[in-house]
Amino acid sequence: MHEKHEQLAMDAQTAVSILGNADLTDIELLPIQPNPLCADSVRDLARQWAFRGLRFIGTIGIVDGHTCTALAEPVDHLRLTTISVAFVGYCEALLIASVEQRQEGDDGAEWCERLYRSPDLRPEVSARNATGRVE
């Protein structure tokens, strides 16, 4: 049974395990790809799941730009929509974190200054600089 879940997790660029209560009013998404939880974190969370009545529902992920699911058992349309909305929220949070991380590591003004100071290595510019005219 877990084979389809494992295959999706390996193929996906982004994937989570879905845990939920019986009517899916309480859902927990556990990251598999790209940043899986460590075993200690899973053990800590597992203690909380027992009190919340969560069980394994399945895996949802994005494989080559397409959303794929591997569910432990069939779910109705309403519950699938609930899972999808939770996954979209998860993906949105990943995207926001990625954009913020890139912005922190790159100051646009500093990059422009470095670009302006760098030598222009285009052949036509090098020829102009050497002879004073374009050849």
C-alpha atoms as a PDB file:
ATOM      1  CA  MET A   1       0.000   0.000   0.000  1.00  0.00           C
ATOM      2  CA  HIS A   2       2.804   2.437   0.822  1.00  0.00           C
ATOM      3  CA  GLU A   3       4.523   1.832  -2.515  1.00  0.00           C
ATOM      4  CA  LYS A   4       2.441   4.440  -4.399  1.00  0.00           C
ATOM      5  CA  HIS A   5       3.040   6.975  -1.621  1.00  0.00           C
ATOM      6  CA  GLU A   6       6.788   6.369  -1.679  1.00  0.00           C
ATOM      7  CA  GLN A   7       6.920   6.615  -5.477  1.00  0.00           C
ATOM      8  CA  LEU A   8       5.099   9.941  -5.460  1.00  0.00           C
ATOM      9  CA  ALA A   9       7.415  11.242  -2.730  1.00  0.00           C
ATOM     10  CA  MET A  10      10.493  10.272  -4.791  1.00  0.00           C
ATOM     11  CA  ASP A  11       9.168  11.698  -8.077  1.00  0.00           C
ATOM     12  CA  ALA A  12       7.812  14.976  -6.704  1.00  0.00           C
ATOM     13  CA  GLN A  13       9.585  18.300  -6.598  1.00  0.00           C
ATOM     14  CA  THR A  14       7.254  19.263  -3.731  1.00  0.00           C
ATOM     15  CA  ALA A  15       5.411  16.686  -1.619  1.00  0.00           C
ATOM     16  CA  VAL A  16       3.761  16.271   1.769  1.00  0.00           C
ATOM     17  CA  SER A  17       2.209  13.482   3.773  1.00  0.00           C
ATOM     18  CA  ILE A  18      -1.364  14.258   4.729  1.00  0.00           C
ATOM     19  CA  LEU A  19      -2.596  13.480   8.205  1.00  0.00           C
ATOM     20  CA  GLY A  20      -6.160  14.192   9.193  1.00  0.00           C
ATOM     21  CA  ASN A  21      -9.003  13.337  11.505  1.00  0.00           C
ATOM     22  CA  ALA A  22     -11.981  11.303  10.296  1.00  0.00           C
ATOM     23  CA  ASP A  23     -13.893  14.212   8.739  1.00  0.00           C
ATOM     24  CA  LEU A  24     -10.750  16.178   7.716  1.00  0.00           C
ATOM     25  CA  THR A  25     -11.635  19.178   9.844  1.00  0.00           C
ATOM     26  CA  ASP A  26      -8.110  18.894  11.284  1.00  0.00           C
ATOM     27  CA  ILE A  27      -5.290  18.416   8.784  1.00  0.00           C
ATOM     28  CA  GLU A  28      -1.536  18.329   9.240  1.00  0.00           C
ATOM     29  CA  LEU A  29       0.829  18.386   6.265  1.00  0.00           C
ATOM     30  CA  LEU A  30       4.283  16.907   6.830  1.00  0.00           C
ATOM     31  CA  PRO A  31       6.981  18.043   4.391  1.00  0.00           C
ATOM     32  CA  ILE A  32       8.657  15.313   2.343  1.00  0.00           C
ATOM     33  CA  GLN A  33      10.122  17.329  -0.535  1.00  0.00           C
ATOM     34  CA  PRO A  34      12.014  19.650  -0.757  1.00  0.00           C
ATOM     35  CA  ASN A  35      12.671  19.973   3.006  1.00  0.00           C
ATOM     36  CA  PRO A  36      11.695  16.825   4.891  1.00  0.00           C
ATOM     37  CA  LEU A  37      11.244  16.854   8.643  1.00  0.00           C
ATOM     38  CA  CYS A  38      13.921  15.154  10.704  1.00  0.00           C
ATOM     39  CA  ALA A  39      13.005  12.010  12.648  1.00  0.00           C
ATOM     40  CA  ASP A  40      13.068  13.876  15.973  1.00  0.00           C
ATOM     41  CA  SER A  41      10.538  16.427  14.707  1.00  0.00           C
ATOM     42  CA  VAL A  42       8.246  13.658  13.475  1.00  0.00           C
ATOM     43  CA  ARG A  43       8.417  11.914  16.867  1.00  0.00           C
ATOM     44  CA  ASP A  44       7.564  15.160  18.660  1.00  0.00           C
ATOM     45  CA  LEU A  45       4.624  15.783  16.340  1.00  0.00           C
ATOM     46  CA  ALA A  46       3.422  12.179  16.658  1.00  0.00           C
ATOM     47  CA  ARG A  47       2.760  12.763  20.341  1.00  0.00           C
ATOM     48  CA  GLN A  48       0.419  15.605  19.406  1.00  0.00           C
ATOM     49  CA  TRP A  49      -1.348  13.581  16.711  1.00  0.00           C
ATOM     50  CA  ALA A  50      -2.580  11.005  19.193  1.00  0.00           C
ATOM     51  CA  PHE A  51      -4.518  13.703  21.064  1.00  0.00           C
ATOM     52  CA  ARG A  52      -5.898  15.151  17.845  1.00  0.00           C
ATOM     53  CA  GLY A  53      -7.060  11.833  16.390  1.00  0.00           C
ATOM     54  CA  LEU A  54      -4.964  12.213  13.224  1.00  0.00           C
ATOM     55  CA  ARG A  55      -4.268   9.312  10.896  1.00  0.00           C
ATOM     56  CA  PHE A  56      -2.442   8.903   7.586  1.00  0.00           C
ATOM     57  CA  ILE A  57      -4.620  10.066   4.668  1.00  0.00           C
ATOM     58  CA  GLY A  58      -2.076   9.941   1.860  1.00  0.00           C
ATOM     59  CA  THR A  59       0.512  11.925  -0.066  1.00  0.00           C
ATOM     60  CA  ILE A  60       0.061  14.928  -2.328  1.00  0.00           C
ATOM     61  CA  GLY A  61       2.771  16.480  -4.463  1.00  0.00           C
ATOM     62  CA  ILE A  62       3.780  18.280  -7.605  1.00  0.00           C
ATOM     63  CA  VAL A  63       5.484  16.174 -10.255  1.00  0.00           C
ATOM     64  CA  ASP A  64       6.711  18.032 -13.342  1.00  0.00           C
ATOM     65  CA  GLY A  65       4.198  20.821 -12.756  1.00  0.00           C
ATOM     66  CA  HIS A  66       1.196  18.538 -12.165  1.00  0.00           C
ATOM     67  CA  THR A  67      -0.510  17.891  -8.840  1.00  0.00           C
ATOM     68  CA  CYS A  68      -0.610  14.191  -7.985  1.00  0.00           C
ATOM     69  CA  THR A  69      -2.193  12.376  -5.078  1.00  0.00           C
ATOM     70  CA  ALA A  70      -1.748   8.929  -3.604  1.00  0.00           C
ATOM     71  CA  LEU A  71      -4.511   8.478  -1.061  1.00  0.00           C
ATOM     72  CA  ALA A  72      -4.736   5.614   1.427  1.00  0.00           C
ATOM     73  CA  GLU A  73      -8.464   5.374   0.772  1.00  0.00           C
ATOM     74  CA  PRO A  74     -10.929   7.160  -1.505  1.00  0.00           C
ATOM     75  CA  VAL A  75     -12.238  10.515  -0.292  1.00  0.00           C
ATOM     76  CA  ASP A  76     -15.261  12.437  -1.466  1.00  0.00           C
ATOM     77  CA  HIS A  77     -15.045  15.638  -3.496  1.00  0.00           C
ATOM     78  CA  LEU A  78     -15.483  17.925  -0.475  1.00  0.00           C
ATOM     79  CA  ARG A  79     -12.648  16.269   1.450  1.00  0.00           C
ATOM     80  CA  LEU A  80     -10.403  16.294  -1.618  1.00  0.00           C
ATOM     81  CA  THR A  81     -11.080  20.023  -1.958  1.00  0.00           C
ATOM     82  CA  THR A  82     -10.135  20.495   1.707  1.00  0.00           C
ATOM     83  CA  ILE A  83      -6.847  18.641   1.134  1.00  0.00           C
ATOM     84  CA  SER A  84      -6.162  20.653  -2.028  1.00  0.00           C
ATOM     85  CA  VAL A  85      -6.762  23.990  -0.305  1.00  0.00           C
ATOM     86  CA  ALA A  86      -4.373  23.002   2.502  1.00  0.00           C
ATOM     87  CA  PHE A  87      -1.729  21.964  -0.051  1.00  0.00           C
ATOM     88  CA  VAL A  88      -2.083  25.211  -2.009  1.00  0.00           C
ATOM     89  CA  GLY A  89      -1.547  27.116   1.243  1.00  0.00           C
ATOM     90  CA  TYR A  90       1.544  25.028   1.937  1.00  0.00           C
ATOM     91  CA  CYS A  91       2.939  25.710  -1.558  1.00  0.00           C
ATOM     92  CA  GLU A  92       2.211  29.421  -1.162  1.00  0.00           C
ATOM     93  CA  ALA A  93       4.186  29.493   2.093  1.00  0.00           C
ATOM     94  CA  LEU A  94       7.108  27.694   0.402  1.00  0.00           C
ATOM     95  CA  LEU A  95       7.097  30.187  -2.457  1.00  0.00           C
ATOM     96  CA  ILE A  96       6.979  33.203  -0.137  1.00  0.00           C
ATOM     97  CA  ALA A  97       9.860  31.817   1.942  1.00  0.00           C
ATOM     98  CA  SER A  98      11.902  31.211  -1.221  1.00  0.00           C
ATOM     99  CA  VAL A  99      11.330  34.754  -2.513  1.00  0.00           C
ATOM    100  CA  GLU A 100      12.194  36.279   0.872  1.00  0.00           C
ATOM    101  CA  GLN A 101      15.372  34.204   1.087  1.00  0.00           C
ATOM    102  CA  ARG A 102      16.488  35.392  -2.356  1.00  0.00           C
ATOM    103  CA  GLN A 103      15.731  39.007  -1.506  1.00  0.00           C
ATOM    104  CA  GLU A 104      17.764  38.834   1.705  1.00  0.00           C
ATOM    105  CA  GLY A 105      20.779  37.501  -0.163  1.00  0.00           C
ATOM    106  CA  ASP A 106      20.782  40.036  -3.014  1.00  0.00           C
ATOM    107  CA  ASP A 107      20.747  43.810  -2.729  1.00  0.00           C
ATOM    108  CA  GLY A 108      19.614  45.142  -6.135  1.00  0.00           C
ATOM    109  CA  ALA A 109      21.500  48.444  -5.876  1.00  0.00           C
ATOM    110  CA  GLU A 110      24.704  46.664  -4.881  1.00  0.00           C
ATOM    111  CA  TRP A 111      24.326  44.269  -7.814  1.00  0.00           C
ATOM    112  CA  CYS A 112      23.850  47.185 -10.253  1.00  0.00           C
ATOM    113  CA  GLU A 113      26.985  48.892  -8.938  1.00  0.00           C
ATOM    114  CA  ARG A 114      29.028  45.706  -9.376  1.00  0.00           C
ATOM    115  CA  LEU A 115      27.666  45.334 -12.903  1.00  0.00           C
ATOM    116  CA  TYR A 116      28.552  48.954 -13.773  1.00  0.00           C
ATOM    117  CA  ARG A 117      32.135  48.522 -12.485  1.00  0.00           C
ATOM    118  CA  SER A 118      32.729  45.197 -14.234  1.00  0.00           C
ATOM    119  CA  PRO A 119      34.677  45.194 -17.513  1.00  0.00           C
ATOM    120  CA  ASP A 120      32.670  44.934 -20.726  1.00  0.00           C
ATOM    121  CA  LEU A 121      34.066  41.867 -22.460  1.00  0.00           C
ATOM    122  CA  ARG A 122      31.973  42.029 -25.626  1.00  0.00           C
ATOM    123  CA  PRO A 123      34.266  41.751 -28.708  1.00  0.00           C
ATOM    124  CA  GLU A 124      32.985  44.958 -30.352  1.00  0.00           C
ATOM    125  CA  VAL A 125      33.561  46.971 -27.168  1.00  0.00           C
ATOM    126  CA  SER A 126      37.031  45.497 -26.655  1.00  0.00           C
ATOM    127  CA  ALA A 127      37.961  46.456 -30.223  1.00  0.00           C
ATOM    128  CA  ARG A 128      36.686  50.024 -29.688  1.00  0.00           C
ATOM    129  CA  ASN A 129      38.627  50.407 -26.441  1.00  0.00           C
ATOM    130  CA  ALA A 130      41.859  49.171 -28.046  1.00  0.00           C
ATOM    131  CA  THR A 131      41.773  51.336 -31.177  1.00  0.00           C
ATOM    132  CA  GLY A 132      39.430  54.147 -30.209  1.00  0.00           C
ATOM    133  CA  ARG A 133      37.034  53.201 -32.997  1.00  0.00           C
ATOM    134  CA  VAL A 134      34.775  50.280 -33.852  1.00  0.00           C
ATOM    135  CA  GLU A 135      36.229  47.927 -36.420  1.00  0.00           C
END
